[in-house]
Amino acid sequence: MIYEFIKQGGLWMIPILVISVIGVAFILERGWYWVQLWLRADHRLRRRLIQGDRPAPGLRTRDPHASVLLELVRNREDEDVALDRARSLLRESREHLKVLAIVAALGSAMGLFGTVMGMRESFRGVGLSDSSGILEGLYGALNTTVLGLFVYVTCYTAHAFFAQQSANLGQDLEEDLNQMRRALTRGART
């Protein structure tokens, strides 16, 4: 069934399939990134740092979010070090989002282009008055649109999801850094 669908779509299905494989690869890569970030999260350490607890000297963490907070505690006089680490984490969280947007756009554009080319081929037979050939050609031409739109919806949805995750991470980092600044200021006064 899938083979027939692709075969009926013609040669224009090949670039759309290549684009879809690229899209799936980047979706899996971004998904793996966020799963790793979630698995490394050390919420207890984050809470302790935000509350103003002093970490043990030499304390290390695999949680990138907590490492930003640790950097602020260790370099109170130079907040820029922690802010640079936070910016780096945000940049990392946004990696490859443009690729997903491009794949989504290319998928839909190639699908529509394949449909136009398929319709062009179908209407070549109008002079022969072969209506079954024309209908079969139109049916196959629409397959490129279906596949192109599927690639578009999948990649665009993934792009929107990962972009929102990145925005949430940025907000969380900003809130936590502000709370830590207040806690460190209170601790310095006492």
N, C-alpha and C. Protein backbone atom coordinates (compact mmCIF):
# COMPACT_ATOMS: atom_id res chain seq x y z
N MET A 1 0.82 -1.19 0.00
CA MET A 1 0.00 0.00 0.00
C MET A 1 0.87 1.27 0.00
N ILE A 2 1.87 1.32 0.87
CA ILE A 2 2.75 2.49 0.91
C ILE A 2 3.57 2.57 -0.38
N TYR A 3 4.05 1.41 -0.83
CA TYR A 3 4.82 1.38 -2.06
C TYR A 3 3.99 1.89 -3.23
N GLU A 4 2.74 1.46 -3.32
CA GLU A 4 1.85 1.91 -4.40
C GLU A 4 1.61 3.41 -4.31
N PHE A 5 1.42 3.90 -3.10
CA PHE A 5 1.21 5.33 -2.88
C PHE A 5 2.40 6.13 -3.41
N ILE A 6 3.60 5.67 -3.08
CA ILE A 6 4.82 6.36 -3.52
C ILE A 6 5.00 6.21 -5.03
N LYS A 7 4.74 5.02 -5.54
CA LYS A 7 4.89 4.77 -6.97
C LYS A 7 3.93 5.64 -7.78
N GLN A 8 2.71 5.79 -7.33
CA GLN A 8 1.72 6.61 -8.04
C GLN A 8 2.11 8.09 -8.01
N GLY A 9 2.79 8.50 -6.98
CA GLY A 9 3.21 9.90 -6.88
C GLY A 9 4.30 10.28 -7.87
N GLY A 10 5.03 9.30 -8.34
CA GLY A 10 6.05 9.55 -9.34
C GLY A 10 7.39 9.97 -8.75
N LEU A 11 8.23 10.50 -9.62
CA LEU A 11 9.59 10.87 -9.23
C LEU A 11 9.64 11.97 -8.18
N TRP A 12 8.62 12.80 -8.10
CA TRP A 12 8.64 13.90 -7.14
C TRP A 12 8.50 13.41 -5.70
N MET A 13 8.16 12.16 -5.55
CA MET A 13 8.07 11.61 -4.19
C MET A 13 9.47 11.41 -3.59
N ILE A 14 10.45 11.17 -4.45
CA ILE A 14 11.81 10.88 -3.95
C ILE A 14 12.38 12.06 -3.16
N PRO A 15 12.40 13.28 -3.69
CA PRO A 15 12.94 14.38 -2.87
C PRO A 15 12.13 14.63 -1.61
N ILE A 16 10.82 14.42 -1.69
CA ILE A 16 9.99 14.62 -0.50
C ILE A 16 10.34 13.57 0.55
N LEU A 17 10.58 12.34 0.11
CA LEU A 17 10.99 11.29 1.06
C LEU A 17 12.35 11.59 1.67
N VAL A 18 13.28 12.10 0.86
CA VAL A 18 14.60 12.47 1.38
C VAL A 18 14.46 13.57 2.43
N ILE A 19 13.66 14.58 2.12
CA ILE A 19 13.42 15.67 3.07
C ILE A 19 12.79 15.13 4.35
N SER A 20 11.85 14.18 4.20
CA SER A 20 11.19 13.64 5.40
C SER A 20 12.16 12.87 6.28
N VAL A 21 13.11 12.16 5.66
CA VAL A 21 14.12 11.44 6.45
C VAL A 21 14.99 12.43 7.22
N ILE A 22 15.35 13.53 6.57
CA ILE A 22 16.14 14.57 7.25
C ILE A 22 15.34 15.14 8.41
N GLY A 23 14.06 15.41 8.17
CA GLY A 23 13.20 15.94 9.23
C GLY A 23 13.09 15.00 10.41
N VAL A 24 12.89 13.72 10.13
CA VAL A 24 12.78 12.73 11.22
C VAL A 24 14.09 12.65 12.00
N ALA A 25 15.21 12.71 11.29
CA ALA A 25 16.51 12.66 11.98
C ALA A 25 16.67 13.82 12.95
N PHE A 26 16.30 15.02 12.53
CA PHE A 26 16.43 16.18 13.41
C PHE A 26 15.39 16.18 14.52
N ILE A 27 14.22 15.65 14.26
CA ILE A 27 13.21 15.52 15.32
C ILE A 27 13.72 14.56 16.39
N LEU A 28 14.30 13.44 15.97
CA LEU A 28 14.84 12.49 16.94
C LEU A 28 16.01 13.09 17.72
N GLU A 29 16.87 13.84 17.03
CA GLU A 29 18.00 14.47 17.72
C GLU A 29 17.52 15.45 18.78
N ARG A 30 16.57 16.31 18.44
CA ARG A 30 16.05 17.28 19.41
C ARG A 30 15.30 16.57 20.53
N GLY A 31 14.55 15.54 20.19
CA GLY A 31 13.85 14.77 21.22
C GLY A 31 14.84 14.15 22.20
N TRP A 32 15.91 13.59 21.67
CA TRP A 32 16.94 13.00 22.53
C TRP A 32 17.59 14.05 23.42
N TYR A 33 17.83 15.24 22.88
CA TYR A 33 18.41 16.33 23.67
C TYR A 33 17.51 16.64 24.87
N TRP A 34 16.21 16.80 24.63
CA TRP A 34 15.30 17.16 25.72
C TRP A 34 15.11 16.03 26.72
N VAL A 35 15.14 14.79 26.24
CA VAL A 35 15.05 13.65 27.17
C VAL A 35 16.29 13.63 28.07
N GLN A 36 17.47 13.85 27.48
CA GLN A 36 18.70 13.89 28.27
C GLN A 36 18.67 15.02 29.30
N LEU A 37 18.17 16.17 28.90
CA LEU A 37 18.06 17.30 29.83
C LEU A 37 17.13 16.95 30.98
N TRP A 38 16.03 16.29 30.66
CA TRP A 38 15.06 15.90 31.69
C TRP A 38 15.66 14.85 32.63
N LEU A 39 16.39 13.87 32.07
CA LEU A 39 16.98 12.81 32.90
C LEU A 39 18.08 13.34 33.82
N ARG A 40 18.78 14.38 33.40
CA ARG A 40 19.87 14.95 34.20
C ARG A 40 19.40 15.94 35.25
N ALA A 41 18.14 16.32 35.19
CA ALA A 41 17.62 17.36 36.10
C ALA A 41 17.80 16.95 37.56
N ASP A 42 18.38 17.84 38.34
CA ASP A 42 18.59 17.64 39.77
C ASP A 42 17.78 18.72 40.50
N HIS A 43 16.49 18.46 40.66
CA HIS A 43 15.59 19.46 41.24
C HIS A 43 15.92 19.77 42.71
N ARG A 44 16.39 18.77 43.44
CA ARG A 44 16.75 19.02 44.85
C ARG A 44 17.88 20.02 44.96
N LEU A 45 18.91 19.82 44.15
CA LEU A 45 20.05 20.75 44.17
C LEU A 45 19.60 22.14 43.74
N ARG A 46 18.76 22.23 42.72
CA ARG A 46 18.25 23.54 42.29
C ARG A 46 17.52 24.25 43.42
N ARG A 47 16.63 23.51 44.10
CA ARG A 47 15.87 24.11 45.21
C ARG A 47 16.79 24.60 46.32
N ARG A 48 17.77 23.76 46.67
CA ARG A 48 18.70 24.14 47.74
C ARG A 48 19.47 25.40 47.36
N LEU A 49 19.93 25.47 46.14
CA LEU A 49 20.69 26.64 45.70
C LEU A 49 19.82 27.89 45.68
N ILE A 50 18.59 27.76 45.20
CA ILE A 50 17.68 28.91 45.13
C ILE A 50 17.34 29.41 46.53
N GLN A 51 17.27 28.50 47.50
CA GLN A 51 16.96 28.89 48.88
C GLN A 51 18.15 29.53 49.57
N GLY A 52 19.30 29.49 48.92
CA GLY A 52 20.47 30.17 49.49
C GLY A 52 21.44 29.23 50.19
N ASP A 53 21.21 27.92 50.14
CA ASP A 53 22.16 26.99 50.74
C ASP A 53 23.48 27.04 49.99
N ARG A 54 24.54 26.97 50.76
CA ARG A 54 25.87 26.98 50.14
C ARG A 54 26.24 25.56 49.73
N PRO A 55 26.70 25.41 48.50
CA PRO A 55 27.08 24.06 48.05
C PRO A 55 28.43 23.66 48.64
N ALA A 56 28.65 22.38 48.72
CA ALA A 56 29.94 21.87 49.18
C ALA A 56 31.01 22.25 48.16
N PRO A 57 32.21 22.57 48.64
CA PRO A 57 33.28 22.90 47.69
C PRO A 57 33.53 21.71 46.76
N GLY A 58 33.71 22.00 45.50
CA GLY A 58 33.98 20.94 44.53
C GLY A 58 32.75 20.19 44.07
N LEU A 59 31.57 20.62 44.48
CA LEU A 59 30.34 19.96 44.06
C LEU A 59 30.18 20.07 42.55
N ARG A 60 29.88 18.94 41.93
CA ARG A 60 29.64 18.91 40.49
C ARG A 60 28.24 18.37 40.24
N THR A 61 27.69 18.74 39.10
CA THR A 61 26.37 18.24 38.73
C THR A 61 26.33 18.01 37.22
N ARG A 62 25.49 17.06 36.83
CA ARG A 62 25.29 16.78 35.41
C ARG A 62 24.14 17.62 34.85
N ASP A 63 23.42 18.29 35.73
CA ASP A 63 22.27 19.10 35.33
C ASP A 63 22.77 20.46 34.84
N PRO A 64 22.62 20.76 33.55
CA PRO A 64 23.10 22.05 33.03
C PRO A 64 22.41 23.25 33.70
N HIS A 65 21.14 23.12 34.02
CA HIS A 65 20.40 24.19 34.68
C HIS A 65 21.00 24.47 36.07
N ALA A 66 21.23 23.41 36.82
CA ALA A 66 21.83 23.55 38.15
C ALA A 66 23.26 24.08 38.06
N SER A 67 23.98 23.72 37.00
CA SER A 67 25.36 24.21 36.86
C SER A 67 25.38 25.72 36.63
N VAL A 68 24.35 26.27 35.98
CA VAL A 68 24.25 27.73 35.84
C VAL A 68 24.09 28.36 37.22
N LEU A 69 23.25 27.78 38.05
CA LEU A 69 23.03 28.30 39.40
C LEU A 69 24.29 28.17 40.24
N LEU A 70 24.98 27.03 40.12
CA LEU A 70 26.24 26.84 40.85
C LEU A 70 27.26 27.91 40.43
N GLU A 71 27.29 28.21 39.16
CA GLU A 71 28.23 29.22 38.65
C GLU A 71 27.95 30.57 39.30
N LEU A 72 26.68 30.90 39.49
CA LEU A 72 26.33 32.17 40.13
C LEU A 72 26.77 32.18 41.59
N VAL A 73 26.60 31.06 42.29
CA VAL A 73 27.01 30.99 43.70
C VAL A 73 28.52 31.11 43.82
N ARG A 74 29.24 30.46 42.93
CA ARG A 74 30.69 30.44 43.01
C ARG A 74 31.33 31.74 42.53
N ASN A 75 30.67 32.45 41.65
CA ASN A 75 31.22 33.70 41.09
C ASN A 75 30.24 34.84 41.34
N ARG A 76 30.00 35.14 42.59
CA ARG A 76 29.03 36.19 42.93
C ARG A 76 29.43 37.54 42.36
N GLU A 77 30.72 37.81 42.36
CA GLU A 77 31.18 39.12 41.89
C GLU A 77 31.10 39.23 40.37
N ASP A 78 31.13 38.11 39.69
CA ASP A 78 31.13 38.11 38.22
C ASP A 78 29.93 37.30 37.71
N GLU A 79 28.76 37.94 37.73
CA GLU A 79 27.53 37.27 37.28
C GLU A 79 27.58 36.90 35.81
N ASP A 80 28.42 37.58 35.06
CA ASP A 80 28.47 37.34 33.62
C ASP A 80 28.85 35.90 33.28
N VAL A 81 29.63 35.26 34.14
CA VAL A 81 30.00 33.87 33.89
C VAL A 81 28.76 32.99 33.90
N ALA A 82 27.90 33.17 34.89
CA ALA A 82 26.66 32.40 34.97
C ALA A 82 25.72 32.76 33.82
N LEU A 83 25.65 34.04 33.49
CA LEU A 83 24.78 34.47 32.39
C LEU A 83 25.27 33.91 31.06
N ASP A 84 26.58 33.87 30.87
CA ASP A 84 27.13 33.28 29.64
C ASP A 84 26.79 31.79 29.55
N ARG A 85 26.88 31.11 30.68
CA ARG A 85 26.53 29.69 30.69
C ARG A 85 25.04 29.49 30.39
N ALA A 86 24.20 30.37 30.92
CA ALA A 86 22.76 30.29 30.66
C ALA A 86 22.48 30.55 29.18
N ARG A 87 23.14 31.55 28.61
CA ARG A 87 22.96 31.85 27.17
C ARG A 87 23.41 30.67 26.32
N SER A 88 24.50 30.06 26.71
CA SER A 88 25.01 28.90 25.98
C SER A 88 24.00 27.75 26.02
N LEU A 89 23.42 27.53 27.20
CA LEU A 89 22.41 26.47 27.34
C LEU A 89 21.19 26.76 26.47
N LEU A 90 20.77 28.01 26.43
CA LEU A 90 19.63 28.38 25.58
C LEU A 90 19.95 28.23 24.10
N ARG A 91 21.16 28.62 23.70
CA ARG A 91 21.56 28.44 22.30
C ARG A 91 21.54 26.97 21.93
N GLU A 92 22.07 26.15 22.84
CA GLU A 92 22.10 24.71 22.62
C GLU A 92 20.68 24.15 22.50
N SER A 93 19.76 24.68 23.28
CA SER A 93 18.38 24.17 23.24
C SER A 93 17.66 24.56 21.95
N ARG A 94 18.16 25.59 21.27
CA ARG A 94 17.53 26.04 20.02
C ARG A 94 18.22 25.49 18.78
N GLU A 95 19.26 24.68 18.98
CA GLU A 95 19.99 24.14 17.84
C GLU A 95 19.06 23.39 16.90
N HIS A 96 19.30 23.53 15.63
CA HIS A 96 18.61 22.79 14.56
C HIS A 96 17.13 23.12 14.40
N LEU A 97 16.61 24.10 15.13
CA LEU A 97 15.21 24.46 14.94
C LEU A 97 14.99 25.06 13.56
N LYS A 98 15.96 25.79 13.06
CA LYS A 98 15.83 26.36 11.71
C LYS A 98 15.78 25.26 10.66
N VAL A 99 16.52 24.19 10.90
CA VAL A 99 16.49 23.08 9.95
C VAL A 99 15.08 22.49 9.89
N LEU A 100 14.45 22.32 11.04
CA LEU A 100 13.08 21.79 11.04
C LEU A 100 12.13 22.73 10.31
N ALA A 101 12.29 24.02 10.48
CA ALA A 101 11.43 24.98 9.78
C ALA A 101 11.65 24.90 8.27
N ILE A 102 12.90 24.78 7.86
CA ILE A 102 13.21 24.68 6.43
C ILE A 102 12.66 23.38 5.85
N VAL A 103 12.82 22.28 6.56
CA VAL A 103 12.30 21.00 6.09
C VAL A 103 10.78 21.06 5.95
N ALA A 104 10.12 21.69 6.91
CA ALA A 104 8.66 21.83 6.84
C ALA A 104 8.27 22.61 5.59
N ALA A 105 8.94 23.73 5.35
CA ALA A 105 8.61 24.56 4.18
C ALA A 105 8.91 23.82 2.88
N LEU A 106 10.05 23.15 2.82
CA LEU A 106 10.40 22.41 1.61
C LEU A 106 9.44 21.26 1.35
N GLY A 107 9.01 20.59 2.40
CA GLY A 107 8.08 19.47 2.23
C GLY A 107 6.79 19.91 1.57
N SER A 108 6.22 20.99 2.06
CA SER A 108 4.96 21.46 1.47
C SER A 108 5.17 22.01 0.07
N ALA A 109 6.25 22.76 -0.14
CA ALA A 109 6.51 23.33 -1.47
C ALA A 109 6.77 22.23 -2.50
N MET A 110 7.57 21.24 -2.12
CA MET A 110 7.85 20.15 -3.06
C MET A 110 6.60 19.33 -3.34
N GLY A 111 5.76 19.15 -2.34
CA GLY A 111 4.51 18.43 -2.55
C GLY A 111 3.62 19.14 -3.55
N LEU A 112 3.50 20.44 -3.40
CA LEU A 112 2.67 21.21 -4.34
C LEU A 112 3.30 21.24 -5.73
N PHE A 113 4.61 21.36 -5.79
CA PHE A 113 5.29 21.36 -7.08
C PHE A 113 5.12 20.01 -7.77
N GLY A 114 5.23 18.94 -7.01
CA GLY A 114 5.01 17.60 -7.58
C GLY A 114 3.60 17.43 -8.11
N THR A 115 2.64 18.01 -7.43
CA THR A 115 1.25 17.95 -7.89
C THR A 115 1.09 18.71 -9.20
N VAL A 116 1.67 19.89 -9.28
CA VAL A 116 1.58 20.68 -10.52
C VAL A 116 2.22 19.92 -11.67
N MET A 117 3.38 19.34 -11.43
CA MET A 117 4.06 18.59 -12.50
C MET A 117 3.24 17.35 -12.88
N GLY A 118 2.65 16.69 -11.92
CA GLY A 118 1.81 15.52 -12.22
C GLY A 118 0.57 15.90 -13.00
N MET A 119 -0.03 17.03 -12.65
CA MET A 119 -1.21 17.49 -13.39
C MET A 119 -0.82 17.88 -14.81
N ARG A 120 0.32 18.46 -14.96
CA ARG A 120 0.81 18.84 -16.29
C ARG A 120 0.94 17.60 -17.16
N GLU A 121 1.52 16.56 -16.60
CA GLU A 121 1.66 15.30 -17.35
C GLU A 121 0.30 14.69 -17.66
N SER A 122 -0.62 14.77 -16.72
CA SER A 122 -1.95 14.19 -16.92
C SER A 122 -2.69 14.88 -18.05
N PHE A 123 -2.58 16.19 -18.12
CA PHE A 123 -3.32 16.93 -19.14
C PHE A 123 -2.67 16.85 -20.52
N ARG A 124 -1.51 16.28 -20.58
CA ARG A 124 -0.90 16.02 -21.89
C ARG A 124 -1.76 15.05 -22.68
N GLY A 125 -2.41 14.15 -21.94
CA GLY A 125 -3.24 13.13 -22.59
C GLY A 125 -4.63 13.60 -22.95
N VAL A 126 -4.95 14.88 -22.73
CA VAL A 126 -6.30 15.37 -23.04
C VAL A 126 -6.60 15.22 -24.52
N GLY A 127 -5.63 15.48 -25.34
CA GLY A 127 -5.85 15.35 -26.78
C GLY A 127 -6.17 13.93 -27.19
N LEU A 128 -5.70 12.99 -26.41
CA LEU A 128 -5.97 11.58 -26.72
C LEU A 128 -7.33 11.15 -26.21
N SER A 129 -8.00 12.01 -25.49
CA SER A 129 -9.31 11.75 -24.86
C SER A 129 -9.31 10.46 -24.06
N ASP A 130 -8.25 10.26 -23.30
CA ASP A 130 -8.15 9.10 -22.40
C ASP A 130 -8.47 9.58 -20.99
N SER A 131 -9.76 9.61 -20.67
CA SER A 131 -10.18 10.16 -19.37
C SER A 131 -9.69 9.32 -18.21
N SER A 132 -9.59 8.00 -18.37
CA SER A 132 -9.11 7.18 -17.25
C SER A 132 -7.64 7.47 -16.97
N GLY A 133 -6.86 7.71 -18.00
CA GLY A 133 -5.45 8.05 -17.81
C GLY A 133 -5.28 9.39 -17.13
N ILE A 134 -6.16 10.34 -17.47
CA ILE A 134 -6.10 11.66 -16.85
C ILE A 134 -6.44 11.56 -15.37
N LEU A 135 -7.51 10.83 -15.05
CA LEU A 135 -7.92 10.69 -13.65
C LEU A 135 -6.86 9.96 -12.83
N GLU A 136 -6.26 8.93 -13.44
CA GLU A 136 -5.21 8.20 -12.73
C GLU A 136 -4.01 9.10 -12.48
N GLY A 137 -3.67 9.92 -13.47
CA GLY A 137 -2.56 10.86 -13.31
C GLY A 137 -2.83 11.90 -12.24
N LEU A 138 -4.06 12.40 -12.20
CA LEU A 138 -4.43 13.38 -11.16
C LEU A 138 -4.38 12.74 -9.77
N TYR A 139 -4.86 11.51 -9.69
CA TYR A 139 -4.85 10.80 -8.41
C TYR A 139 -3.41 10.65 -7.91
N GLY A 140 -2.52 10.25 -8.80
CA GLY A 140 -1.11 10.10 -8.42
C GLY A 140 -0.46 11.42 -8.08
N ALA A 141 -0.84 12.47 -8.83
CA ALA A 141 -0.25 13.79 -8.58
C ALA A 141 -0.61 14.31 -7.20
N LEU A 142 -1.80 14.01 -6.74
CA LEU A 142 -2.21 14.48 -5.41
C LEU A 142 -1.46 13.77 -4.29
N ASN A 143 -0.88 12.62 -4.58
CA ASN A 143 -0.10 11.91 -3.56
C ASN A 143 1.09 12.75 -3.10
N THR A 144 1.69 13.50 -4.02
CA THR A 144 2.81 14.35 -3.61
C THR A 144 2.35 15.43 -2.65
N THR A 145 1.15 15.95 -2.87
CA THR A 145 0.61 16.96 -1.95
C THR A 145 0.38 16.36 -0.58
N VAL A 146 -0.20 15.16 -0.56
CA VAL A 146 -0.48 14.50 0.72
C VAL A 146 0.82 14.28 1.49
N LEU A 147 1.83 13.73 0.83
CA LEU A 147 3.10 13.47 1.52
C LEU A 147 3.78 14.77 1.93
N GLY A 148 3.77 15.76 1.04
CA GLY A 148 4.38 17.05 1.37
C GLY A 148 3.73 17.72 2.56
N LEU A 149 2.40 17.67 2.62
CA LEU A 149 1.69 18.26 3.76
C LEU A 149 1.94 17.46 5.04
N PHE A 150 2.07 16.15 4.91
CA PHE A 150 2.39 15.33 6.09
C PHE A 150 3.75 15.73 6.65
N VAL A 151 4.74 15.90 5.76
CA VAL A 151 6.07 16.33 6.20
C VAL A 151 5.98 17.70 6.85
N TYR A 152 5.22 18.60 6.23
CA TYR A 152 5.07 19.95 6.77
C TYR A 152 4.48 19.93 8.17
N VAL A 153 3.35 19.25 8.32
CA VAL A 153 2.66 19.25 9.62
C VAL A 153 3.54 18.62 10.70
N THR A 154 4.20 17.52 10.36
CA THR A 154 5.05 16.84 11.34
C THR A 154 6.22 17.73 11.77
N CYS A 155 6.94 18.28 10.82
CA CYS A 155 8.12 19.09 11.15
C CYS A 155 7.74 20.42 11.80
N TYR A 156 6.65 21.01 11.34
CA TYR A 156 6.23 22.29 11.93
C TYR A 156 5.78 22.08 13.37
N THR A 157 5.04 21.01 13.62
CA THR A 157 4.59 20.72 14.99
C THR A 157 5.78 20.47 15.90
N ALA A 158 6.75 19.69 15.42
CA ALA A 158 7.96 19.43 16.22
C ALA A 158 8.72 20.74 16.47
N HIS A 159 8.83 21.57 15.45
CA HIS A 159 9.51 22.86 15.59
C HIS A 159 8.83 23.71 16.66
N ALA A 160 7.51 23.79 16.60
CA ALA A 160 6.77 24.60 17.57
C ALA A 160 6.94 24.04 18.98
N PHE A 161 6.89 22.72 19.12
CA PHE A 161 7.05 22.10 20.44
C PHE A 161 8.44 22.38 21.02
N PHE A 162 9.48 22.16 20.23
CA PHE A 162 10.84 22.36 20.73
C PHE A 162 11.13 23.84 20.98
N ALA A 163 10.58 24.72 20.16
CA ALA A 163 10.77 26.16 20.39
C ALA A 163 10.10 26.57 21.71
N GLN A 164 8.94 26.00 22.00
CA GLN A 164 8.26 26.32 23.26
C GLN A 164 9.05 25.76 24.45
N GLN A 165 9.60 24.57 24.30
CA GLN A 165 10.44 24.00 25.36
C GLN A 165 11.62 24.91 25.66
N SER A 166 12.23 25.43 24.60
CA SER A 166 13.37 26.33 24.76
C SER A 166 12.95 27.63 25.45
N ALA A 167 11.80 28.16 25.06
CA ALA A 167 11.30 29.39 25.70
C ALA A 167 11.02 29.14 27.18
N ASN A 168 10.45 27.98 27.49
CA ASN A 168 10.18 27.64 28.90
C ASN A 168 11.48 27.53 29.69
N LEU A 169 12.50 26.92 29.07
CA LEU A 169 13.79 26.80 29.73
C LEU A 169 14.36 28.19 30.02
N GLY A 170 14.26 29.09 29.06
CA GLY A 170 14.74 30.46 29.26
C GLY A 170 14.03 31.16 30.40
N GLN A 171 12.71 30.99 30.48
CA GLN A 171 11.95 31.61 31.58
C GLN A 171 12.35 31.01 32.92
N ASP A 172 12.48 29.69 32.96
CA ASP A 172 12.87 29.03 34.21
C ASP A 172 14.24 29.50 34.68
N LEU A 173 15.19 29.58 33.74
CA LEU A 173 16.53 30.05 34.10
C LEU A 173 16.48 31.48 34.63
N GLU A 174 15.74 32.33 33.96
CA GLU A 174 15.65 33.72 34.39
C GLU A 174 15.04 33.83 35.78
N GLU A 175 13.95 33.11 36.02
CA GLU A 175 13.30 33.15 37.34
C GLU A 175 14.23 32.62 38.42
N ASP A 176 14.89 31.50 38.15
CA ASP A 176 15.79 30.91 39.15
C ASP A 176 16.98 31.82 39.43
N LEU A 177 17.55 32.42 38.39
CA LEU A 177 18.67 33.33 38.61
C LEU A 177 18.25 34.55 39.42
N ASN A 178 17.07 35.08 39.15
CA ASN A 178 16.57 36.23 39.93
C ASN A 178 16.34 35.84 41.39
N GLN A 179 15.78 34.67 41.63
CA GLN A 179 15.57 34.21 43.01
C GLN A 179 16.90 34.02 43.71
N MET A 180 17.88 33.48 42.99
CA MET A 180 19.20 33.29 43.60
C MET A 180 19.86 34.61 43.94
N ARG A 181 19.73 35.59 43.05
CA ARG A 181 20.30 36.91 43.34
C ARG A 181 19.71 37.47 44.62
N ARG A 182 18.39 37.35 44.76
CA ARG A 182 17.74 37.85 45.99
C ARG A 182 18.23 37.08 47.21
N ALA A 183 18.34 35.75 47.09
CA ALA A 183 18.81 34.94 48.22
C ALA A 183 20.25 35.29 48.57
N LEU A 184 21.09 35.50 47.56
CA LEU A 184 22.48 35.85 47.82
C LEU A 184 22.59 37.24 48.44
N THR A 185 21.74 38.16 48.01
CA THR A 185 21.74 39.51 48.59
C THR A 185 21.31 39.45 50.04
N ARG A 186 20.27 38.68 50.34
CA ARG A 186 19.83 38.52 51.74
C ARG A 186 20.93 37.89 52.58
N GLY A 187 21.61 36.88 52.02
CA GLY A 187 22.68 36.21 52.75
C GLY A 187 23.87 37.11 53.00
N ALA A 188 24.14 38.02 52.07
CA ALA A 188 25.27 38.94 52.24
C ALA A 188 24.98 39.99 53.31
N ARG A 189 23.71 40.34 53.49
CA ARG A 189 23.34 41.35 54.49
C ARG A 189 23.43 40.80 55.91
N THR A 190 23.21 39.50 56.06
CA THR A 190 23.21 38.94 57.43
C THR A 190 24.57 38.53 57.88
